[in-house]
Amino acid sequence: LAARGSVLKCFVWGLGKRGRAFIRFASKYNIEIIGCYDRSVKTPDINNEYELGFIEKDEMMQSDEYIVATNKDIYMQAVSETIDPNRIINLESFCSL
């Protein structure tokens, strides 16, 4: 996705086990997480642990940045709600926890 040495910017949709694993991975590999969305936004422990801000889903969907959907259901919902499905990444297809 990103050229060697450049920084990929993305949102993370879903902060379960796979989402948290991706956040740890991103911090090591030049991936900047702009913000996170989870349907249970009442998870300040995750916000504090990773120092990431929560955003509203509409704000994330209107952005031009990549969205890392942490499971197949989230991926399908994101694709159905976006104008550009090419910016949605199905993390579950790469990481089956």
C-alpha atoms as a PDB file:
ATOM      1  CA  LEU A   1       0.000   0.000   0.000  1.00  0.00           C
ATOM      2  CA  ALA A   2       2.714   2.479   0.882  1.00  0.00           C
ATOM      3  CA  ALA A   3       6.084   2.866  -0.755  1.00  0.00           C
ATOM      4  CA  ARG A   4       9.087   1.904   1.354  1.00  0.00           C
ATOM      5  CA  GLY A   5       9.957   4.748   3.697  1.00  0.00           C
ATOM      6  CA  SER A   6       6.608   6.507   3.321  1.00  0.00           C
ATOM      7  CA  VAL A   7       3.860   6.584   5.905  1.00  0.00           C
ATOM      8  CA  LEU A   8       0.455   5.027   5.263  1.00  0.00           C
ATOM      9  CA  LYS A   9      -2.398   6.814   7.025  1.00  0.00           C
ATOM     10  CA  CYS A  10      -5.573   4.974   7.913  1.00  0.00           C
ATOM     11  CA  PHE A  11      -8.525   4.636  10.228  1.00  0.00           C
ATOM     12  CA  VAL A  12      -9.262   1.477  12.208  1.00  0.00           C
ATOM     13  CA  TRP A  13     -12.869   0.306  12.413  1.00  0.00           C
ATOM     14  CA  GLY A  14     -13.228  -2.235  15.202  1.00  0.00           C
ATOM     15  CA  LEU A  15     -11.174  -2.451  18.380  1.00  0.00           C
ATOM     16  CA  GLY A  16     -11.499  -6.069  19.337  1.00  0.00           C
ATOM     17  CA  LYS A  17      -8.583  -8.482  19.525  1.00  0.00           C
ATOM     18  CA  ARG A  18      -7.654  -8.126  15.839  1.00  0.00           C
ATOM     19  CA  GLY A  19      -7.981  -4.333  15.883  1.00  0.00           C
ATOM     20  CA  ARG A  20      -5.729  -3.992  18.913  1.00  0.00           C
ATOM     21  CA  ALA A  21      -3.192  -6.360  17.313  1.00  0.00           C
ATOM     22  CA  PHE A  22      -3.222  -4.191  14.171  1.00  0.00           C
ATOM     23  CA  ILE A  23      -2.625  -1.050  16.233  1.00  0.00           C
ATOM     24  CA  ARG A  24       0.474  -2.660  17.780  1.00  0.00           C
ATOM     25  CA  PHE A  25       1.630  -3.784  14.306  1.00  0.00           C
ATOM     26  CA  ALA A  26       1.058  -0.317  12.837  1.00  0.00           C
ATOM     27  CA  SER A  27       3.243   1.353  15.418  1.00  0.00           C
ATOM     28  CA  LYS A  28       6.204  -0.711  14.198  1.00  0.00           C
ATOM     29  CA  TYR A  29       5.706  -0.400  10.424  1.00  0.00           C
ATOM     30  CA  ASN A  30       5.191   3.232   9.376  1.00  0.00           C
ATOM     31  CA  ILE A  31       1.399   3.074   9.544  1.00  0.00           C
ATOM     32  CA  GLU A  32      -0.190   6.150  11.097  1.00  0.00           C
ATOM     33  CA  ILE A  33      -3.604   5.557  12.592  1.00  0.00           C
ATOM     34  CA  ILE A  34      -5.588   8.764  12.220  1.00  0.00           C
ATOM     35  CA  GLY A  35      -8.460   7.628  14.415  1.00  0.00           C
ATOM     36  CA  CYS A  36     -10.594   4.708  15.488  1.00  0.00           C
ATOM     37  CA  TYR A  37     -14.251   3.837  15.345  1.00  0.00           C
ATOM     38  CA  ASP A  38     -16.002   1.103  17.287  1.00  0.00           C
ATOM     39  CA  ARG A  39     -19.717   0.669  17.806  1.00  0.00           C
ATOM     40  CA  SER A  40     -19.094   0.552  21.551  1.00  0.00           C
ATOM     41  CA  VAL A  41     -17.394   3.942  21.724  1.00  0.00           C
ATOM     42  CA  LYS A  42     -17.515   3.612  25.502  1.00  0.00           C
ATOM     43  CA  THR A  43     -14.034   2.034  25.600  1.00  0.00           C
ATOM     44  CA  PRO A  44     -11.779   4.689  27.122  1.00  0.00           C
ATOM     45  CA  ASP A  45      -9.279   2.043  28.220  1.00  0.00           C
ATOM     46  CA  ILE A  46      -8.365   1.391  24.575  1.00  0.00           C
ATOM     47  CA  ASN A  47      -8.254   5.123  23.868  1.00  0.00           C
ATOM     48  CA  ASN A  48      -5.854   5.670  26.755  1.00  0.00           C
ATOM     49  CA  GLU A  49      -3.765   2.563  26.085  1.00  0.00           C
ATOM     50  CA  TYR A  50      -2.928   3.533  22.511  1.00  0.00           C
ATOM     51  CA  GLU A  51      -3.447   7.305  22.737  1.00  0.00           C
ATOM     52  CA  LEU A  52      -5.750   7.253  19.721  1.00  0.00           C
ATOM     53  CA  GLY A  53      -8.789   9.413  19.246  1.00  0.00           C
ATOM     54  CA  PHE A  54     -12.232   8.069  18.515  1.00  0.00           C
ATOM     55  CA  ILE A  55     -14.093   9.542  15.567  1.00  0.00           C
ATOM     56  CA  GLU A  56     -17.637   9.360  14.310  1.00  0.00           C
ATOM     57  CA  LYS A  57     -18.333   6.810  11.596  1.00  0.00           C
ATOM     58  CA  ASP A  58     -19.657   9.480   9.212  1.00  0.00           C
ATOM     59  CA  GLU A  59     -16.438  11.471   9.525  1.00  0.00           C
ATOM     60  CA  MET A  60     -14.373   8.380   8.781  1.00  0.00           C
ATOM     61  CA  MET A  61     -16.527   7.380   5.800  1.00  0.00           C
ATOM     62  CA  GLN A  62     -16.283  10.875   4.260  1.00  0.00           C
ATOM     63  CA  SER A  63     -12.490  10.905   4.440  1.00  0.00           C
ATOM     64  CA  ASP A  64     -10.261   9.923   1.524  1.00  0.00           C
ATOM     65  CA  GLU A  65      -7.953   7.842   3.746  1.00  0.00           C
ATOM     66  CA  TYR A  66      -7.842   4.042   3.985  1.00  0.00           C
ATOM     67  CA  ILE A  67     -10.111   2.268   6.437  1.00  0.00           C
ATOM     68  CA  VAL A  68      -8.898  -0.961   8.018  1.00  0.00           C
ATOM     69  CA  ALA A  69     -12.016  -3.014   8.732  1.00  0.00           C
ATOM     70  CA  THR A  70     -11.075  -5.545  11.378  1.00  0.00           C
ATOM     71  CA  ASN A  71     -13.542  -8.276  10.399  1.00  0.00           C
ATOM     72  CA  LYS A  72     -15.626  -9.418   7.444  1.00  0.00           C
ATOM     73  CA  ASP A  73     -18.907  -7.990   8.747  1.00  0.00           C
ATOM     74  CA  ILE A  74     -17.385  -4.553   9.288  1.00  0.00           C
ATOM     75  CA  TYR A  75     -15.732  -4.779   5.860  1.00  0.00           C
ATOM     76  CA  MET A  76     -19.070  -5.545   4.158  1.00  0.00           C
ATOM     77  CA  GLN A  77     -20.771  -2.669   5.977  1.00  0.00           C
ATOM     78  CA  ALA A  78     -17.957  -0.246   5.114  1.00  0.00           C
ATOM     79  CA  VAL A  79     -17.978  -1.228   1.437  1.00  0.00           C
ATOM     80  CA  SER A  80     -21.743  -0.736   1.271  1.00  0.00           C
ATOM     81  CA  GLU A  81     -21.474   2.742   2.825  1.00  0.00           C
ATOM     82  CA  THR A  82     -18.565   4.200   0.852  1.00  0.00           C
ATOM     83  CA  ILE A  83     -18.205   5.753  -2.562  1.00  0.00           C
ATOM     84  CA  ASP A  84     -14.733   4.220  -3.015  1.00  0.00           C
ATOM     85  CA  PRO A  85     -14.591   0.571  -1.855  1.00  0.00           C
ATOM     86  CA  ASN A  86     -10.936   0.383  -2.952  1.00  0.00           C
ATOM     87  CA  ARG A  87      -9.926   2.249   0.182  1.00  0.00           C
ATOM     88  CA  ILE A  88     -11.436  -0.380   2.515  1.00  0.00           C
ATOM     89  CA  ILE A  89      -9.064  -3.116   3.712  1.00  0.00           C
ATOM     90  CA  ASN A  90     -10.441  -6.392   5.102  1.00  0.00           C
ATOM     91  CA  LEU A  91      -7.962  -7.172   7.877  1.00  0.00           C
ATOM     92  CA  GLU A  92      -9.591 -10.530   8.608  1.00  0.00           C
ATOM     93  CA  SER A  93      -8.492 -11.807   5.195  1.00  0.00           C
ATOM     94  CA  PHE A  94      -4.855 -11.196   6.236  1.00  0.00           C
ATOM     95  CA  CYS A  95      -5.068 -11.986   9.947  1.00  0.00           C
ATOM     96  CA  SER A  96      -7.361 -14.726  11.175  1.00  0.00           C
ATOM     97  CA  LEU A  97      -7.261 -14.567  14.976  1.00  0.00           C
END
